[in-house]
PDB file of N, CA and C in Angstrom:
ATOM      1  N   MET A   1       0.920   5.908   5.184  1.00  0.00           N
ATOM      2  CA  MET A   1       0.957   6.663   3.950  1.00  0.00           C
ATOM      3  C   MET A   1      -0.443   6.737   3.329  1.00  0.00           C
ATOM      4  N   ARG A   2      -1.183   5.644   3.421  1.00  0.00           N
ATOM      5  CA  ARG A   2      -2.537   5.634   2.866  1.00  0.00           C
ATOM      6  C   ARG A   2      -3.406   6.658   3.574  1.00  0.00           C
ATOM      7  N   LEU A   3      -3.344   6.679   4.882  1.00  0.00           N
ATOM      8  CA  LEU A   3      -4.157   7.617   5.651  1.00  0.00           C
ATOM      9  C   LEU A   3      -3.725   9.061   5.410  1.00  0.00           C
ATOM     10  N   ALA A   4      -2.436   9.287   5.244  1.00  0.00           N
ATOM     11  CA  ALA A   4      -1.937  10.634   4.971  1.00  0.00           C
ATOM     12  C   ALA A   4      -2.478  11.163   3.643  1.00  0.00           C
ATOM     13  N   LYS A   5      -2.774  10.259   2.723  1.00  0.00           N
ATOM     14  CA  LYS A   5      -3.348  10.633   1.427  1.00  0.00           C
ATOM     15  C   LYS A   5      -4.878  10.633   1.471  1.00  0.00           C
ATOM     16  N   ALA A   6      -5.441  10.369   2.647  1.00  0.00           N
ATOM     17  CA  ALA A   6      -6.892  10.323   2.860  1.00  0.00           C
ATOM     18  C   ALA A   6      -7.570   9.318   1.935  1.00  0.00           C
ATOM     19  N   LEU A   7      -6.941   8.157   1.777  1.00  0.00           N
ATOM     20  CA  LEU A   7      -7.494   7.085   0.961  1.00  0.00           C
ATOM     21  C   LEU A   7      -8.026   5.972   1.847  1.00  0.00           C
ATOM     22  N   THR A   8      -9.148   5.413   1.461  1.00  0.00           N
ATOM     23  CA  THR A   8      -9.639   4.221   2.146  1.00  0.00           C
ATOM     24  C   THR A   8      -8.881   3.015   1.581  1.00  0.00           C
ATOM     25  N   GLN A   9      -8.984   1.904   2.270  1.00  0.00           N
ATOM     26  CA  GLN A   9      -8.379   0.679   1.746  1.00  0.00           C
ATOM     27  C   GLN A   9      -8.979   0.348   0.389  1.00  0.00           C
ATOM     28  N   GLU A  10     -10.281   0.545   0.262  1.00  0.00           N
ATOM     29  CA  GLU A  10     -10.964   0.241  -0.991  1.00  0.00           C
ATOM     30  C   GLU A  10     -10.468   1.130  -2.135  1.00  0.00           C
ATOM     31  N   GLU A  11     -10.282   2.425  -1.859  1.00  0.00           N
ATOM     32  CA  GLU A  11      -9.793   3.341  -2.896  1.00  0.00           C
ATOM     33  C   GLU A  11      -8.388   2.974  -3.342  1.00  0.00           C
ATOM     34  N   LEU A  12      -7.507   2.702  -2.378  1.00  0.00           N
ATOM     35  CA  LEU A  12      -6.144   2.324  -2.723  1.00  0.00           C
ATOM     36  C   LEU A  12      -6.122   1.016  -3.495  1.00  0.00           C
ATOM     37  N   ALA A  13      -6.907   0.065  -3.037  1.00  0.00           N
ATOM     38  CA  ALA A  13      -6.963  -1.226  -3.721  1.00  0.00           C
ATOM     39  C   ALA A  13      -7.423  -1.059  -5.165  1.00  0.00           C
ATOM     40  N   HIS A  14      -8.453  -0.284  -5.373  1.00  0.00           N
ATOM     41  CA  HIS A  14      -8.969  -0.065  -6.723  1.00  0.00           C
ATOM     42  C   HIS A  14      -7.915   0.588  -7.611  1.00  0.00           C
ATOM     43  N   ARG A  15      -7.266   1.627  -7.105  1.00  0.00           N
ATOM     44  CA  ARG A  15      -6.258   2.353  -7.884  1.00  0.00           C
ATOM     45  C   ARG A  15      -5.062   1.475  -8.248  1.00  0.00           C
ATOM     46  N   ALA A  16      -4.675   0.599  -7.309  1.00  0.00           N
ATOM     47  CA  ALA A  16      -3.496  -0.237  -7.530  1.00  0.00           C
ATOM     48  C   ALA A  16      -3.833  -1.586  -8.167  1.00  0.00           C
ATOM     49  N   GLY A  17      -5.120  -1.884  -8.300  1.00  0.00           N
ATOM     50  CA  GLY A  17      -5.525  -3.133  -8.926  1.00  0.00           C
ATOM     51  C   GLY A  17      -5.508  -4.333  -7.999  1.00  0.00           C
ATOM     52  N   PHE A  18      -5.824  -4.104  -6.729  1.00  0.00           N
ATOM     53  CA  PHE A  18      -5.873  -5.176  -5.746  1.00  0.00           C
ATOM     54  C   PHE A  18      -7.261  -5.261  -5.127  1.00  0.00           C
ATOM     55  N   ASP A  19      -7.511  -6.325  -4.408  1.00  0.00           N
ATOM     56  CA  ASP A  19      -8.731  -6.483  -3.634  1.00  0.00           C
ATOM     57  C   ASP A  19      -8.562  -5.748  -2.305  1.00  0.00           C
ATOM     58  N   ARG A  20      -9.643  -5.153  -1.794  1.00  0.00           N
ATOM     59  CA  ARG A  20      -9.568  -4.427  -0.524  1.00  0.00           C
ATOM     60  C   ARG A  20      -9.087  -5.315   0.610  1.00  0.00           C
ATOM     61  N   ASN A  21      -9.513  -6.564   0.602  1.00  0.00           N
ATOM     62  CA  ASN A  21      -9.085  -7.479   1.662  1.00  0.00           C
ATOM     63  C   ASN A  21      -7.572  -7.679   1.648  1.00  0.00           C
ATOM     64  N   TYR A  22      -6.983  -7.677   0.473  1.00  0.00           N
ATOM     65  CA  TYR A  22      -5.529  -7.836   0.373  1.00  0.00           C
ATOM     66  C   TYR A  22      -4.813  -6.652   1.022  1.00  0.00           C
ATOM     67  N   ILE A  23      -5.318  -5.446   0.765  1.00  0.00           N
ATOM     68  CA  ILE A  23      -4.720  -4.252   1.381  1.00  0.00           C
ATOM     69  C   ILE A  23      -4.829  -4.338   2.901  1.00  0.00           C
ATOM     70  N   GLY A  24      -5.984  -4.747   3.396  1.00  0.00           N
ATOM     71  CA  GLY A  24      -6.172  -4.906   4.844  1.00  0.00           C
ATOM     72  C   GLY A  24      -5.208  -5.925   5.421  1.00  0.00           C
ATOM     73  N   ASN A  25      -5.030  -7.024   4.714  1.00  0.00           N
ATOM     74  CA  ASN A  25      -4.096  -8.052   5.186  1.00  0.00           C
ATOM     75  C   ASN A  25      -2.662  -7.542   5.179  1.00  0.00           C
ATOM     76  N   LEU A  26      -2.298  -6.751   4.189  1.00  0.00           N
ATOM     77  CA  LEU A  26      -0.949  -6.159   4.177  1.00  0.00           C
ATOM     78  C   LEU A  26      -0.755  -5.251   5.390  1.00  0.00           C
ATOM     79  N   GLU A  27      -1.752  -4.430   5.663  1.00  0.00           N
ATOM     80  CA  GLU A  27      -1.639  -3.492   6.782  1.00  0.00           C
ATOM     81  C   GLU A  27      -1.586  -4.204   8.134  1.00  0.00           C
ATOM     82  N   ARG A  28      -2.160  -5.385   8.211  1.00  0.00           N
ATOM     83  CA  ARG A  28      -2.125  -6.166   9.454  1.00  0.00           C
ATOM     84  C   ARG A  28      -0.982  -7.187   9.462  1.00  0.00           C
ATOM     85  N   CYS A  29      -0.116  -7.092   8.455  1.00  0.00           N
ATOM     86  CA  CYS A  29       1.059  -7.979   8.326  1.00  0.00           C
ATOM     87  C   CYS A  29       0.652  -9.444   8.203  1.00  0.00           C
ATOM     88  N   LYS A  30      -0.469  -9.715   7.558  1.00  0.00           N
ATOM     89  CA  LYS A  30      -0.899 -11.095   7.337  1.00  0.00           C
ATOM     90  C   LYS A  30      -0.452 -11.605   5.977  1.00  0.00           C
ATOM     91  N   ASN A  31      -0.041 -10.701   5.102  1.00  0.00           N
ATOM     92  CA  ASN A  31       0.499 -11.043   3.790  1.00  0.00           C
ATOM     93  C   ASN A  31       1.847 -10.361   3.638  1.00  0.00           C
ATOM     94  N   SER A  32       2.709 -10.954   2.840  1.00  0.00           N
ATOM     95  CA  SER A  32       4.001 -10.353   2.514  1.00  0.00           C
ATOM     96  C   SER A  32       3.954  -9.903   1.055  1.00  0.00           C
ATOM     97  N   PRO A  33       4.141  -8.613   0.812  1.00  0.00           N
ATOM     98  CA  PRO A  33       4.052  -8.114  -0.553  1.00  0.00           C
ATOM     99  C   PRO A  33       5.287  -8.458  -1.374  1.00  0.00           C
ATOM    100  N   THR A  34       5.073  -8.581  -2.667  1.00  0.00           N
ATOM    101  CA  THR A  34       6.195  -8.756  -3.592  1.00  0.00           C
ATOM    102  C   THR A  34       6.754  -7.378  -3.925  1.00  0.00           C
ATOM    103  N   VAL A  35       7.879  -7.353  -4.588  1.00  0.00           N
ATOM    104  CA  VAL A  35       8.459  -6.083  -5.035  1.00  0.00           C
ATOM    105  C   VAL A  35       7.486  -5.387  -5.991  1.00  0.00           C
ATOM    106  N   ASP A  36       6.850  -6.162  -6.868  1.00  0.00           N
ATOM    107  CA  ASP A  36       5.878  -5.594  -7.798  1.00  0.00           C
ATOM    108  C   ASP A  36       4.725  -4.934  -7.038  1.00  0.00           C
ATOM    109  N   THR A  37       4.243  -5.589  -6.003  1.00  0.00           N
ATOM    110  CA  THR A  37       3.160  -5.033  -5.190  1.00  0.00           C
ATOM    111  C   THR A  37       3.583  -3.725  -4.547  1.00  0.00           C
ATOM    112  N   LEU A  38       4.786  -3.696  -3.978  1.00  0.00           N
ATOM    113  CA  LEU A  38       5.284  -2.465  -3.358  1.00  0.00           C
ATOM    114  C   LEU A  38       5.387  -1.340  -4.372  1.00  0.00           C
ATOM    115  N   GLU A  39       5.846  -1.663  -5.568  1.00  0.00           N
ATOM    116  CA  GLU A  39       5.963  -0.646  -6.615  1.00  0.00           C
ATOM    117  C   GLU A  39       4.594  -0.109  -7.012  1.00  0.00           C
ATOM    118  N   ARG A  40       3.614  -0.990  -7.155  1.00  0.00           N
ATOM    119  CA  ARG A  40       2.262  -0.564  -7.530  1.00  0.00           C
ATOM    120  C   ARG A  40       1.629   0.301  -6.449  1.00  0.00           C
ATOM    121  N   LEU A  41       1.796  -0.085  -5.200  1.00  0.00           N
ATOM    122  CA  LEU A  41       1.241   0.704  -4.100  1.00  0.00           C
ATOM    123  C   LEU A  41       1.957   2.045  -3.979  1.00  0.00           C
ATOM    124  N   ALA A  42       3.271   2.034  -4.081  1.00  0.00           N
ATOM    125  CA  ALA A  42       4.045   3.270  -3.986  1.00  0.00           C
ATOM    126  C   ALA A  42       3.636   4.260  -5.076  1.00  0.00           C
ATOM    127  N   ALA A  43       3.401   3.759  -6.269  1.00  0.00           N
ATOM    128  CA  ALA A  43       2.993   4.638  -7.366  1.00  0.00           C
ATOM    129  C   ALA A  43       1.681   5.349  -7.039  1.00  0.00           C
ATOM    130  N   GLN A  44       0.770   4.662  -6.395  1.00  0.00           N
ATOM    131  CA  GLN A  44      -0.520   5.259  -6.045  1.00  0.00           C
ATOM    132  C   GLN A  44      -0.426   6.195  -4.844  1.00  0.00           C
ATOM    133  N   LEU A  45       0.623   6.034  -4.050  1.00  0.00           N
ATOM    134  CA  LEU A  45       0.805   6.858  -2.855  1.00  0.00           C
ATOM    135  C   LEU A  45       1.828   7.970  -3.067  1.00  0.00           C
ATOM    136  N   ASP A  46       2.294   8.138  -4.312  1.00  0.00           N
ATOM    137  CA  ASP A  46       3.323   9.132  -4.630  1.00  0.00           C
ATOM    138  C   ASP A  46       4.534   8.965  -3.719  1.00  0.00           C
ATOM    139  N   ALA A  47       4.971   7.728  -3.597  1.00  0.00           N
ATOM    140  CA  ALA A  47       6.093   7.403  -2.711  1.00  0.00           C
ATOM    141  C   ALA A  47       7.103   6.558  -3.469  1.00  0.00           C
ATOM    142  N   ASP A  48       8.235   6.377  -2.865  1.00  0.00           N
ATOM    143  CA  ASP A  48       9.254   5.462  -3.371  1.00  0.00           C
ATOM    144  C   ASP A  48       9.038   4.133  -2.651  1.00  0.00           C
ATOM    145  N   PRO A  49       9.181   3.007  -3.337  1.00  0.00           N
ATOM    146  CA  PRO A  49       8.977   1.723  -2.662  1.00  0.00           C
ATOM    147  C   PRO A  49       9.811   1.553  -1.393  1.00  0.00           C
ATOM    148  N   THR A  50      10.972   2.174  -1.345  1.00  0.00           N
ATOM    149  CA  THR A  50      11.808   2.053  -0.143  1.00  0.00           C
ATOM    150  C   THR A  50      11.201   2.759   1.056  1.00  0.00           C
ATOM    151  N   ASP A  51      10.242   3.671   0.813  1.00  0.00           N
ATOM    152  CA  ASP A  51       9.593   4.395   1.921  1.00  0.00           C
ATOM    153  C   ASP A  51       8.826   3.445   2.837  1.00  0.00           C
ATOM    154  N   PHE A  52       8.422   2.296   2.331  1.00  0.00           N
ATOM    155  CA  PHE A  52       7.709   1.317   3.158  1.00  0.00           C
ATOM    156  C   PHE A  52       8.605   0.751   4.270  1.00  0.00           C
ATOM    157  N   PHE A  53       9.900   0.908   4.119  1.00  0.00           N
ATOM    158  CA  PHE A  53      10.849   0.358   5.097  1.00  0.00           C
ATOM    159  C   PHE A  53      11.359   1.407   6.072  1.00  0.00           C
ATOM    160  N   SER A  54      10.872   2.627   5.955  1.00  0.00           N
ATOM    161  CA  SER A  54      11.304   3.723   6.828  1.00  0.00           C
ATOM    162  C   SER A  54      10.444   3.732   8.081  1.00  0.00           C
ATOM    163  N   ARG A  55      11.070   3.809   9.217  1.00  0.00           N
ATOM    164  CA  ARG A  55      10.335   3.858  10.488  1.00  0.00           C
ATOM    165  C   ARG A  55       9.801   5.259  10.787  1.00  0.00           C
ATOM    166  N   SER A  56      10.258   6.268  10.062  1.00  0.00           N
ATOM    167  CA  SER A  56       9.837   7.640  10.341  1.00  0.00           C
ATOM    168  C   SER A  56       8.431   7.930   9.866  1.00  0.00           C
ATOM    169  N   ARG A  57       7.827   7.039   9.113  1.00  0.00           N
ATOM    170  CA  ARG A  57       6.464   7.277   8.599  1.00  0.00           C
ATOM    171  C   ARG A  57       5.449   6.711   9.512  1.00  0.00           C
TER     172      ARG A  57
END
């Protein structure tokens, strides 16, 4: 979803209020996000938090 929006990890992190390293760790499955984190990221990606669980993306 981040790439589809043409956002870098740094841009997404800044918009959502996270560190870039945290976004990288999420993408590599090294961290487990909270519901709050999913909501914050989804808001920046114009998505629904449940979209993170869809295999079609």
